[in-house]
Amino acid sequence: LPSDSIRPLPTDTLEFNPEEHRKLAERIFKKEFRRRAENIISAMYTPQKMNISEKAFQEQSLDGFSRLNKIQRELSEQFNMNPILTTRLSSEIISELTTESMKKLKQMEDED
């Protein structure tokens, strides 16, 4: 091969920015975790489930939280993210969704 036919690849199109990659992975993780967690959490906080015994509610909640934990671990692996970070992010989302569900329950009670 003549040496002039070997050209260096343009580096501006191939630059890997770890900070941008991390932020993108976090955004995707949060969006996907929220999507999957929403159904689980909203199913945990319904008027029917809140009116059962405390022990039964705790058992059902434990099942829901173990499913959320499994989703968090799967997504952490899928996006190659630090499990400590994904635990923090998922905890924040769970807290937000729980607050939203509790507000909806309160509104239902107030309407009755």
N, C-alpha and C. Protein backbone atom coordinates (compact mmCIF):
# COMPACT_ATOMS: atom_id res chain seq x y z
N LEU A 1 0.83 -1.20 0.00
CA LEU A 1 0.00 0.00 0.00
C LEU A 1 0.87 1.25 0.00
N PRO A 2 0.56 2.17 -0.85
CA PRO A 2 1.31 3.43 -0.79
C PRO A 2 0.99 4.17 0.50
N SER A 3 1.95 4.80 1.06
CA SER A 3 1.77 5.45 2.36
C SER A 3 0.73 6.56 2.31
N ASP A 4 0.51 7.17 1.18
CA ASP A 4 -0.48 8.25 1.13
C ASP A 4 -1.92 7.73 1.18
N SER A 5 -2.12 6.43 1.00
CA SER A 5 -3.47 5.87 1.07
C SER A 5 -3.89 5.55 2.51
N ILE A 6 -2.95 5.59 3.40
CA ILE A 6 -3.26 5.34 4.82
C ILE A 6 -3.37 6.69 5.51
N ARG A 7 -4.58 7.06 5.75
CA ARG A 7 -4.81 8.36 6.40
C ARG A 7 -5.31 8.12 7.82
N PRO A 8 -4.89 8.95 8.71
CA PRO A 8 -5.42 8.79 10.08
C PRO A 8 -6.92 9.11 10.08
N LEU A 9 -7.63 8.39 10.91
CA LEU A 9 -9.06 8.66 11.05
C LEU A 9 -9.26 9.99 11.75
N PRO A 10 -10.29 10.71 11.37
CA PRO A 10 -10.54 11.98 12.06
C PRO A 10 -10.88 11.72 13.53
N THR A 11 -10.13 12.31 14.41
CA THR A 11 -10.33 12.03 15.84
C THR A 11 -11.53 12.75 16.40
N ASP A 12 -11.96 13.84 15.78
CA ASP A 12 -13.08 14.58 16.35
C ASP A 12 -14.38 13.77 16.34
N THR A 13 -14.53 12.83 15.41
CA THR A 13 -15.75 12.04 15.36
C THR A 13 -15.67 10.81 16.27
N LEU A 14 -14.49 10.46 16.73
CA LEU A 14 -14.33 9.25 17.52
C LEU A 14 -14.03 9.51 18.99
N GLU A 15 -14.03 10.77 19.38
CA GLU A 15 -13.70 11.07 20.77
C GLU A 15 -14.74 10.48 21.71
N PHE A 16 -14.24 9.88 22.75
CA PHE A 16 -15.11 9.30 23.77
C PHE A 16 -15.04 10.19 24.98
N ASN A 17 -16.16 10.76 25.33
CA ASN A 17 -16.20 11.62 26.50
C ASN A 17 -16.86 10.84 27.64
N PRO A 18 -16.05 10.39 28.60
CA PRO A 18 -16.61 9.56 29.68
C PRO A 18 -17.70 10.26 30.49
N GLU A 19 -17.58 11.57 30.67
CA GLU A 19 -18.58 12.31 31.44
C GLU A 19 -19.92 12.33 30.70
N GLU A 20 -19.88 12.56 29.40
CA GLU A 20 -21.11 12.55 28.61
C GLU A 20 -21.73 11.15 28.61
N HIS A 21 -20.87 10.15 28.49
CA HIS A 21 -21.33 8.75 28.50
C HIS A 21 -22.01 8.42 29.83
N ARG A 22 -21.41 8.86 30.93
CA ARG A 22 -21.96 8.61 32.26
C ARG A 22 -23.33 9.29 32.41
N LYS A 23 -23.41 10.55 31.97
CA LYS A 23 -24.68 11.28 32.08
C LYS A 23 -25.77 10.63 31.24
N LEU A 24 -25.40 10.21 30.04
CA LEU A 24 -26.37 9.55 29.16
C LEU A 24 -26.84 8.23 29.79
N ALA A 25 -25.90 7.45 30.30
CA ALA A 25 -26.26 6.18 30.95
C ALA A 25 -27.19 6.43 32.13
N GLU A 26 -26.91 7.47 32.92
CA GLU A 26 -27.76 7.80 34.08
C GLU A 26 -29.17 8.16 33.63
N ARG A 27 -29.26 8.99 32.58
CA ARG A 27 -30.58 9.40 32.08
C ARG A 27 -31.39 8.19 31.60
N ILE A 28 -30.73 7.32 30.84
CA ILE A 28 -31.41 6.13 30.32
C ILE A 28 -31.81 5.21 31.48
N PHE A 29 -30.90 5.01 32.43
CA PHE A 29 -31.19 4.17 33.59
C PHE A 29 -32.42 4.70 34.32
N LYS A 30 -32.41 6.01 34.63
CA LYS A 30 -33.51 6.60 35.39
C LYS A 30 -34.84 6.47 34.65
N LYS A 31 -34.82 6.71 33.36
CA LYS A 31 -36.05 6.63 32.57
C LYS A 31 -36.58 5.19 32.56
N GLU A 32 -35.70 4.24 32.32
CA GLU A 32 -36.11 2.83 32.25
C GLU A 32 -36.54 2.31 33.63
N PHE A 33 -35.78 2.65 34.66
CA PHE A 33 -36.14 2.19 36.00
C PHE A 33 -37.49 2.77 36.41
N ARG A 34 -37.68 4.07 36.17
CA ARG A 34 -38.95 4.72 36.51
C ARG A 34 -40.11 4.04 35.79
N ARG A 35 -39.94 3.77 34.50
CA ARG A 35 -41.00 3.15 33.71
C ARG A 35 -41.40 1.80 34.32
N ARG A 36 -40.41 1.01 34.67
CA ARG A 36 -40.69 -0.33 35.20
C ARG A 36 -41.16 -0.30 36.65
N ALA A 37 -40.67 0.65 37.41
CA ALA A 37 -41.01 0.73 38.84
C ALA A 37 -42.40 1.31 39.07
N GLU A 38 -42.84 2.15 38.16
CA GLU A 38 -44.13 2.82 38.32
C GLU A 38 -45.27 1.82 38.53
N ASN A 39 -45.31 0.80 37.70
CA ASN A 39 -46.37 -0.21 37.82
C ASN A 39 -46.30 -0.95 39.15
N ILE A 40 -45.09 -1.30 39.56
CA ILE A 40 -44.92 -2.06 40.81
C ILE A 40 -45.36 -1.22 42.00
N ILE A 41 -44.90 0.03 42.05
CA ILE A 41 -45.21 0.87 43.20
C ILE A 41 -46.68 1.27 43.23
N SER A 42 -47.24 1.61 42.07
CA SER A 42 -48.66 1.99 42.08
C SER A 42 -49.53 0.80 42.48
N ALA A 43 -49.09 -0.42 42.16
CA ALA A 43 -49.84 -1.61 42.57
C ALA A 43 -49.70 -1.87 44.08
N MET A 44 -48.61 -1.41 44.67
CA MET A 44 -48.40 -1.62 46.11
C MET A 44 -49.28 -0.69 46.94
N TYR A 45 -49.53 0.52 46.43
CA TYR A 45 -50.25 1.53 47.20
C TYR A 45 -51.63 1.77 46.62
N THR A 46 -52.52 0.82 46.83
CA THR A 46 -53.90 0.96 46.41
C THR A 46 -54.77 0.96 47.67
N PRO A 47 -55.97 1.49 47.59
CA PRO A 47 -56.83 1.47 48.79
C PRO A 47 -57.02 0.05 49.34
N GLN A 48 -57.17 -0.93 48.44
CA GLN A 48 -57.37 -2.31 48.89
C GLN A 48 -56.15 -2.83 49.65
N LYS A 49 -54.97 -2.53 49.14
CA LYS A 49 -53.76 -3.04 49.79
C LYS A 49 -53.45 -2.29 51.08
N MET A 50 -53.87 -1.03 51.16
CA MET A 50 -53.60 -0.25 52.37
C MET A 50 -54.56 -0.64 53.51
N ASN A 51 -55.66 -1.30 53.18
CA ASN A 51 -56.65 -1.66 54.20
C ASN A 51 -56.50 -3.08 54.72
N ILE A 52 -55.43 -3.77 54.32
CA ILE A 52 -55.18 -5.11 54.85
C ILE A 52 -54.33 -4.99 56.12
N SER A 53 -54.08 -6.08 56.75
CA SER A 53 -53.29 -6.03 57.98
C SER A 53 -51.88 -5.54 57.67
N GLU A 54 -51.26 -4.99 58.70
CA GLU A 54 -49.91 -4.45 58.53
C GLU A 54 -48.93 -5.54 58.09
N LYS A 55 -49.08 -6.72 58.68
CA LYS A 55 -48.19 -7.84 58.33
C LYS A 55 -48.35 -8.24 56.86
N ALA A 56 -49.59 -8.34 56.40
CA ALA A 56 -49.84 -8.70 55.00
C ALA A 56 -49.31 -7.61 54.06
N PHE A 57 -49.50 -6.34 54.45
CA PHE A 57 -48.99 -5.24 53.63
C PHE A 57 -47.46 -5.29 53.54
N GLN A 58 -46.82 -5.56 54.67
CA GLN A 58 -45.35 -5.65 54.69
C GLN A 58 -44.87 -6.78 53.79
N GLU A 59 -45.55 -7.91 53.82
CA GLU A 59 -45.15 -9.04 52.96
C GLU A 59 -45.29 -8.69 51.49
N GLN A 60 -46.40 -8.04 51.14
CA GLN A 60 -46.60 -7.62 49.74
C GLN A 60 -45.57 -6.57 49.33
N SER A 61 -45.29 -5.65 50.24
CA SER A 61 -44.30 -4.61 49.96
C SER A 61 -42.92 -5.22 49.76
N LEU A 62 -42.59 -6.19 50.59
CA LEU A 62 -41.29 -6.86 50.48
C LEU A 62 -41.13 -7.50 49.10
N ASP A 63 -42.20 -8.13 48.62
CA ASP A 63 -42.17 -8.71 47.29
C ASP A 63 -41.94 -7.63 46.23
N GLY A 64 -42.65 -6.52 46.34
CA GLY A 64 -42.48 -5.41 45.39
C GLY A 64 -41.07 -4.86 45.42
N PHE A 65 -40.54 -4.66 46.62
CA PHE A 65 -39.19 -4.10 46.73
C PHE A 65 -38.12 -5.08 46.25
N SER A 66 -38.35 -6.37 46.42
CA SER A 66 -37.36 -7.32 45.89
C SER A 66 -37.39 -7.31 44.36
N ARG A 67 -38.58 -7.13 43.77
CA ARG A 67 -38.66 -7.00 42.31
C ARG A 67 -37.95 -5.73 41.83
N LEU A 68 -38.12 -4.64 42.57
CA LEU A 68 -37.44 -3.38 42.22
C LEU A 68 -35.92 -3.54 42.33
N ASN A 69 -35.47 -4.24 43.36
CA ASN A 69 -34.05 -4.48 43.55
C ASN A 69 -33.48 -5.28 42.38
N LYS A 70 -34.24 -6.28 41.93
CA LYS A 70 -33.80 -7.10 40.80
C LYS A 70 -33.69 -6.25 39.53
N ILE A 71 -34.68 -5.39 39.30
CA ILE A 71 -34.64 -4.51 38.13
C ILE A 71 -33.43 -3.59 38.20
N GLN A 72 -33.17 -3.03 39.37
CA GLN A 72 -32.02 -2.14 39.55
C GLN A 72 -30.71 -2.86 39.23
N ARG A 73 -30.57 -4.09 39.70
CA ARG A 73 -29.34 -4.85 39.44
C ARG A 73 -29.21 -5.17 37.95
N GLU A 74 -30.31 -5.57 37.32
CA GLU A 74 -30.27 -5.89 35.88
C GLU A 74 -29.87 -4.67 35.05
N LEU A 75 -30.48 -3.53 35.36
CA LEU A 75 -30.16 -2.31 34.61
C LEU A 75 -28.74 -1.83 34.88
N SER A 76 -28.29 -2.01 36.11
CA SER A 76 -26.91 -1.65 36.46
C SER A 76 -25.93 -2.42 35.59
N GLU A 77 -26.19 -3.72 35.44
CA GLU A 77 -25.32 -4.55 34.59
C GLU A 77 -25.47 -4.18 33.12
N GLN A 78 -26.71 -4.00 32.69
CA GLN A 78 -26.98 -3.70 31.28
C GLN A 78 -26.26 -2.42 30.84
N PHE A 79 -26.27 -1.39 31.69
CA PHE A 79 -25.66 -0.12 31.34
C PHE A 79 -24.24 0.02 31.87
N ASN A 80 -23.72 -1.07 32.45
CA ASN A 80 -22.35 -1.09 32.97
C ASN A 80 -22.11 0.08 33.92
N MET A 81 -23.01 0.20 34.89
CA MET A 81 -22.94 1.31 35.84
C MET A 81 -22.58 0.79 37.23
N ASN A 82 -22.02 1.67 38.00
CA ASN A 82 -21.64 1.38 39.37
C ASN A 82 -22.90 1.04 40.18
N PRO A 83 -22.95 -0.13 40.82
CA PRO A 83 -24.14 -0.52 41.59
C PRO A 83 -24.47 0.45 42.73
N ILE A 84 -23.47 1.08 43.30
CA ILE A 84 -23.73 2.05 44.37
C ILE A 84 -24.50 3.24 43.80
N LEU A 85 -24.10 3.69 42.61
CA LEU A 85 -24.78 4.81 41.95
C LEU A 85 -26.21 4.41 41.59
N THR A 86 -26.38 3.23 41.00
CA THR A 86 -27.73 2.83 40.58
C THR A 86 -28.64 2.58 41.79
N THR A 87 -28.07 2.16 42.90
CA THR A 87 -28.86 2.01 44.12
C THR A 87 -29.37 3.37 44.58
N ARG A 88 -28.50 4.37 44.54
CA ARG A 88 -28.91 5.72 44.94
C ARG A 88 -29.98 6.26 43.99
N LEU A 89 -29.74 6.13 42.69
CA LEU A 89 -30.70 6.63 41.71
C LEU A 89 -32.05 5.94 41.84
N SER A 90 -32.03 4.62 41.99
CA SER A 90 -33.30 3.88 42.11
C SER A 90 -34.01 4.24 43.41
N SER A 91 -33.27 4.46 44.48
CA SER A 91 -33.89 4.87 45.75
C SER A 91 -34.60 6.21 45.61
N GLU A 92 -33.97 7.14 44.90
CA GLU A 92 -34.59 8.45 44.67
C GLU A 92 -35.89 8.29 43.89
N ILE A 93 -35.85 7.45 42.85
CA ILE A 93 -37.04 7.24 42.02
C ILE A 93 -38.15 6.56 42.81
N ILE A 94 -37.78 5.55 43.61
CA ILE A 94 -38.76 4.85 44.45
C ILE A 94 -39.41 5.83 45.41
N SER A 95 -38.62 6.70 46.00
CA SER A 95 -39.14 7.70 46.94
C SER A 95 -40.13 8.63 46.23
N GLU A 96 -39.76 9.11 45.04
CA GLU A 96 -40.64 10.00 44.27
C GLU A 96 -41.95 9.29 43.93
N LEU A 97 -41.85 8.06 43.43
CA LEU A 97 -43.04 7.32 43.02
C LEU A 97 -43.93 6.99 44.21
N THR A 98 -43.31 6.68 45.35
CA THR A 98 -44.08 6.39 46.56
C THR A 98 -44.83 7.64 47.00
N THR A 99 -44.17 8.77 46.99
CA THR A 99 -44.82 10.04 47.35
C THR A 99 -45.99 10.32 46.42
N GLU A 100 -45.79 10.12 45.11
CA GLU A 100 -46.87 10.33 44.14
C GLU A 100 -48.04 9.40 44.43
N SER A 101 -47.75 8.13 44.70
CA SER A 101 -48.82 7.16 44.99
C SER A 101 -49.57 7.52 46.26
N MET A 102 -48.86 7.96 47.27
CA MET A 102 -49.51 8.33 48.52
C MET A 102 -50.39 9.57 48.33
N LYS A 103 -49.95 10.51 47.51
CA LYS A 103 -50.77 11.70 47.22
C LYS A 103 -52.06 11.29 46.52
N LYS A 104 -51.95 10.36 45.56
CA LYS A 104 -53.15 9.88 44.86
C LYS A 104 -54.12 9.21 45.82
N LEU A 105 -53.57 8.41 46.76
CA LEU A 105 -54.42 7.76 47.77
C LEU A 105 -55.13 8.80 48.63
N LYS A 106 -54.41 9.82 49.02
CA LYS A 106 -54.97 10.89 49.86
C LYS A 106 -56.09 11.59 49.09
N GLN A 107 -55.87 11.86 47.80
CA GLN A 107 -56.90 12.51 46.99
C GLN A 107 -58.15 11.63 46.89
N MET A 108 -57.95 10.32 46.74
CA MET A 108 -59.09 9.40 46.69
C MET A 108 -59.87 9.43 48.00
N GLU A 109 -59.16 9.47 49.13
CA GLU A 109 -59.81 9.52 50.44
C GLU A 109 -60.59 10.81 50.60
N ASP A 110 -60.00 11.92 50.14
CA ASP A 110 -60.63 13.22 50.28
C ASP A 110 -61.90 13.32 49.42
N GLU A 111 -61.92 12.58 48.31
CA GLU A 111 -63.08 12.60 47.42
C GLU A 111 -64.24 11.78 47.98
N ASP A 112 -63.93 10.84 48.85
CA ASP A 112 -64.99 9.97 49.41
C ASP A 112 -65.82 10.67 50.46
